Amino acid sequence: LNPFYVDGVSDLTPLSAFPERENETYASYFSKKYNQILTNENQQLVQVSREITGKNFLVPRLASTKKEIPMHHVPELCNI
């Protein structure tokens, strides 16, 4: 399991276009890649960020220069 922080709920649904994949939705991506059929196509996706191990809040991190695409997960496939 990969730990993530939930940053918020987005307006995207499983029927929204998957980023940087032409003519593919979140539902079709998870179906093809993970053989997971989503049961609720109207659920809102959650925006997440990766957990960084060894966080140190006393020392500021340098900002990344590359553009990061927000990650979205389907709630019914997440473990709490």
N, C-alpha and C. Protein backbone atom coordinates (compact mmCIF):
# COMPACT_ATOMS: atom_id res chain seq x y z
N LEU A 1 0.83 -1.19 0.00
CA LEU A 1 0.00 0.00 0.00
C LEU A 1 0.87 1.25 0.00
N ASN A 2 0.51 2.21 -0.81
CA ASN A 2 1.22 3.48 -0.84
C ASN A 2 0.42 4.51 -0.07
N PRO A 3 1.03 5.15 0.93
CA PRO A 3 0.29 6.16 1.69
C PRO A 3 0.22 7.48 0.93
N PHE A 4 -0.95 8.12 1.02
CA PHE A 4 -1.19 9.41 0.40
C PHE A 4 -1.91 10.30 1.39
N TYR A 5 -1.78 11.60 1.22
CA TYR A 5 -2.57 12.58 1.95
C TYR A 5 -3.71 13.02 1.04
N VAL A 6 -4.90 13.12 1.61
CA VAL A 6 -6.03 13.64 0.84
C VAL A 6 -6.01 15.16 0.96
N ASP A 7 -5.88 15.83 -0.18
CA ASP A 7 -5.85 17.29 -0.21
C ASP A 7 -7.24 17.89 -0.34
N GLY A 8 -8.17 17.12 -0.90
CA GLY A 8 -9.52 17.64 -1.06
C GLY A 8 -10.33 16.79 -2.02
N VAL A 9 -11.59 17.15 -2.17
CA VAL A 9 -12.50 16.48 -3.09
C VAL A 9 -12.56 17.32 -4.36
N SER A 10 -12.43 16.68 -5.50
CA SER A 10 -12.44 17.42 -6.77
C SER A 10 -13.81 17.33 -7.43
N ASP A 11 -13.96 18.05 -8.52
CA ASP A 11 -15.20 18.00 -9.30
C ASP A 11 -15.15 16.88 -10.34
N LEU A 12 -14.03 16.17 -10.42
CA LEU A 12 -13.88 15.08 -11.39
C LEU A 12 -14.65 13.84 -10.95
N THR A 13 -15.07 13.04 -11.91
CA THR A 13 -15.72 11.75 -11.65
C THR A 13 -14.98 10.68 -12.45
N PRO A 14 -15.31 9.40 -12.25
CA PRO A 14 -14.67 8.35 -13.04
C PRO A 14 -14.88 8.50 -14.55
N LEU A 15 -15.87 9.27 -14.96
CA LEU A 15 -16.11 9.48 -16.39
C LEU A 15 -15.33 10.66 -16.95
N SER A 16 -14.56 11.36 -16.10
CA SER A 16 -13.73 12.48 -16.55
C SER A 16 -12.52 11.95 -17.32
N ALA A 17 -11.97 12.79 -18.17
CA ALA A 17 -10.80 12.40 -18.96
C ALA A 17 -9.58 12.20 -18.06
N PHE A 18 -8.87 11.12 -18.32
CA PHE A 18 -7.64 10.82 -17.58
C PHE A 18 -6.54 11.73 -18.12
N PRO A 19 -5.72 12.36 -17.26
CA PRO A 19 -4.71 13.30 -17.75
C PRO A 19 -3.69 12.65 -18.68
N GLU A 20 -3.37 13.36 -19.72
CA GLU A 20 -2.34 12.98 -20.68
C GLU A 20 -2.58 11.64 -21.37
N ARG A 21 -3.83 11.19 -21.42
CA ARG A 21 -4.18 9.97 -22.15
C ARG A 21 -5.38 10.30 -23.01
N GLU A 22 -5.16 10.27 -24.30
CA GLU A 22 -6.20 10.67 -25.23
C GLU A 22 -7.34 9.66 -25.25
N ASN A 23 -8.56 10.16 -25.18
CA ASN A 23 -9.78 9.34 -25.27
C ASN A 23 -9.86 8.26 -24.19
N GLU A 24 -9.37 8.55 -23.00
CA GLU A 24 -9.46 7.57 -21.92
C GLU A 24 -9.99 8.27 -20.66
N THR A 25 -10.90 7.59 -19.95
CA THR A 25 -11.45 8.11 -18.71
C THR A 25 -10.78 7.39 -17.54
N TYR A 26 -11.02 7.90 -16.32
CA TYR A 26 -10.50 7.23 -15.13
C TYR A 26 -11.07 5.81 -15.05
N ALA A 27 -12.35 5.66 -15.35
CA ALA A 27 -12.99 4.34 -15.28
C ALA A 27 -12.34 3.35 -16.25
N SER A 28 -12.11 3.79 -17.50
CA SER A 28 -11.50 2.88 -18.47
C SER A 28 -10.04 2.58 -18.12
N TYR A 29 -9.33 3.56 -17.56
CA TYR A 29 -7.94 3.35 -17.15
C TYR A 29 -7.85 2.26 -16.09
N PHE A 30 -8.67 2.38 -15.03
CA PHE A 30 -8.62 1.40 -13.95
C PHE A 30 -9.12 0.03 -14.41
N SER A 31 -10.03 0.01 -15.35
CA SER A 31 -10.51 -1.25 -15.90
C SER A 31 -9.41 -1.96 -16.69
N LYS A 32 -8.71 -1.22 -17.54
CA LYS A 32 -7.66 -1.82 -18.37
C LYS A 32 -6.42 -2.19 -17.55
N LYS A 33 -5.96 -1.26 -16.71
CA LYS A 33 -4.69 -1.46 -16.01
C LYS A 33 -4.81 -2.39 -14.81
N TYR A 34 -5.90 -2.27 -14.03
CA TYR A 34 -6.02 -3.02 -12.78
C TYR A 34 -7.19 -4.01 -12.76
N ASN A 35 -7.92 -4.12 -13.87
CA ASN A 35 -9.07 -5.01 -13.95
C ASN A 35 -10.10 -4.70 -12.85
N GLN A 36 -10.28 -3.42 -12.58
CA GLN A 36 -11.23 -2.95 -11.58
C GLN A 36 -12.41 -2.27 -12.27
N ILE A 37 -13.60 -2.80 -12.07
CA ILE A 37 -14.81 -2.20 -12.62
C ILE A 37 -15.42 -1.32 -11.53
N LEU A 38 -15.57 -0.04 -11.81
CA LEU A 38 -16.11 0.89 -10.82
C LEU A 38 -17.63 0.77 -10.77
N THR A 39 -18.17 0.76 -9.55
CA THR A 39 -19.61 0.58 -9.40
C THR A 39 -20.38 1.89 -9.36
N ASN A 40 -19.71 2.99 -9.00
CA ASN A 40 -20.38 4.29 -8.91
C ASN A 40 -19.66 5.28 -9.81
N GLU A 41 -20.22 5.53 -10.98
CA GLU A 41 -19.58 6.44 -11.94
C GLU A 41 -19.86 7.91 -11.63
N ASN A 42 -20.69 8.19 -10.62
CA ASN A 42 -21.01 9.57 -10.27
C ASN A 42 -20.22 10.07 -9.05
N GLN A 43 -19.41 9.21 -8.45
CA GLN A 43 -18.67 9.63 -7.26
C GLN A 43 -17.59 10.65 -7.63
N GLN A 44 -17.34 11.57 -6.72
CA GLN A 44 -16.29 12.57 -6.95
C GLN A 44 -14.95 11.96 -6.58
N LEU A 45 -13.92 12.28 -7.35
CA LEU A 45 -12.58 11.79 -7.07
C LEU A 45 -11.95 12.65 -5.98
N VAL A 46 -10.99 12.07 -5.26
CA VAL A 46 -10.26 12.83 -4.24
C VAL A 46 -8.89 13.20 -4.80
N GLN A 47 -8.48 14.43 -4.54
CA GLN A 47 -7.15 14.87 -4.95
C GLN A 47 -6.19 14.52 -3.83
N VAL A 48 -5.08 13.87 -4.18
CA VAL A 48 -4.13 13.38 -3.19
C VAL A 48 -2.72 13.84 -3.52
N SER A 49 -1.86 13.75 -2.51
CA SER A 49 -0.43 13.97 -2.70
C SER A 49 0.31 12.85 -1.99
N ARG A 50 1.48 12.53 -2.49
CA ARG A 50 2.26 11.44 -1.92
C ARG A 50 2.77 11.81 -0.53
N GLU A 51 2.81 10.80 0.33
CA GLU A 51 3.40 11.00 1.64
C GLU A 51 4.92 10.96 1.48
N ILE A 52 5.58 11.92 2.02
CA ILE A 52 7.03 11.96 1.96
C ILE A 52 7.56 11.46 3.30
N THR A 53 8.32 10.37 3.27
CA THR A 53 8.85 9.83 4.51
C THR A 53 9.95 10.74 5.04
N GLY A 54 10.04 10.82 6.33
CA GLY A 54 11.08 11.63 6.95
C GLY A 54 10.83 13.12 6.82
N LYS A 55 9.57 13.53 6.94
CA LYS A 55 9.28 14.96 6.85
C LYS A 55 9.93 15.69 8.00
N ASN A 56 10.45 16.85 7.70
CA ASN A 56 11.05 17.70 8.70
C ASN A 56 10.44 19.08 8.53
N PHE A 57 9.56 19.47 9.46
CA PHE A 57 8.88 20.74 9.34
C PHE A 57 9.73 21.91 9.83
N LEU A 58 10.92 21.63 10.39
CA LEU A 58 11.79 22.69 10.86
C LEU A 58 12.69 23.24 9.75
N VAL A 59 12.92 22.43 8.72
CA VAL A 59 13.79 22.84 7.62
C VAL A 59 12.93 22.95 6.37
N PRO A 60 12.89 24.14 5.73
CA PRO A 60 12.07 24.28 4.52
C PRO A 60 12.61 23.46 3.36
N ARG A 61 11.72 22.88 2.60
CA ARG A 61 12.10 22.12 1.40
C ARG A 61 12.20 23.07 0.23
N LEU A 62 13.09 22.76 -0.69
CA LEU A 62 13.20 23.56 -1.90
C LEU A 62 12.03 23.24 -2.82
N ALA A 63 11.51 24.23 -3.44
CA ALA A 63 10.38 24.03 -4.36
C ALA A 63 10.87 23.29 -5.60
N SER A 64 10.06 22.39 -6.08
CA SER A 64 10.38 21.64 -7.29
C SER A 64 10.20 22.55 -8.50
N THR A 65 11.09 22.40 -9.47
CA THR A 65 11.00 23.23 -10.67
C THR A 65 10.11 22.60 -11.74
N LYS A 66 9.85 21.29 -11.63
CA LYS A 66 9.00 20.67 -12.64
C LYS A 66 7.53 20.80 -12.26
N LYS A 67 6.70 20.89 -13.29
CA LYS A 67 5.26 21.03 -13.08
C LYS A 67 4.67 19.69 -12.69
N GLU A 68 3.98 19.66 -11.56
CA GLU A 68 3.38 18.41 -11.10
C GLU A 68 1.90 18.41 -11.45
N ILE A 69 1.44 17.31 -11.99
CA ILE A 69 0.03 17.13 -12.31
C ILE A 69 -0.65 16.58 -11.05
N PRO A 70 -1.74 17.21 -10.62
CA PRO A 70 -2.43 16.70 -9.42
C PRO A 70 -2.87 15.25 -9.62
N MET A 71 -2.75 14.45 -8.58
CA MET A 71 -3.19 13.06 -8.63
C MET A 71 -4.59 12.97 -8.06
N HIS A 72 -5.40 12.14 -8.69
CA HIS A 72 -6.77 11.91 -8.24
C HIS A 72 -6.99 10.42 -8.08
N HIS A 73 -7.65 10.05 -6.97
CA HIS A 73 -7.96 8.64 -6.73
C HIS A 73 -9.46 8.45 -6.65
N VAL A 74 -9.89 7.25 -6.99
CA VAL A 74 -11.30 6.88 -6.91
C VAL A 74 -11.57 6.39 -5.48
N PRO A 75 -12.48 7.03 -4.75
CA PRO A 75 -12.70 6.67 -3.34
C PRO A 75 -13.02 5.20 -3.10
N GLU A 76 -13.78 4.56 -3.98
CA GLU A 76 -14.15 3.16 -3.73
C GLU A 76 -12.97 2.21 -3.84
N LEU A 77 -11.85 2.68 -4.38
CA LEU A 77 -10.64 1.84 -4.49
C LEU A 77 -9.62 2.16 -3.40
N CYS A 78 -9.94 3.08 -2.51
CA CYS A 78 -9.00 3.49 -1.45
C CYS A 78 -9.28 2.75 -0.15
N ASN A 79 -8.21 2.49 0.59
CA ASN A 79 -8.31 1.94 1.95
C ASN A 79 -8.03 3.04 2.94
N ILE A 80 -8.82 3.05 4.01
CA ILE A 80 -8.62 4.08 5.04
C ILE A 80 -7.93 3.45 6.23
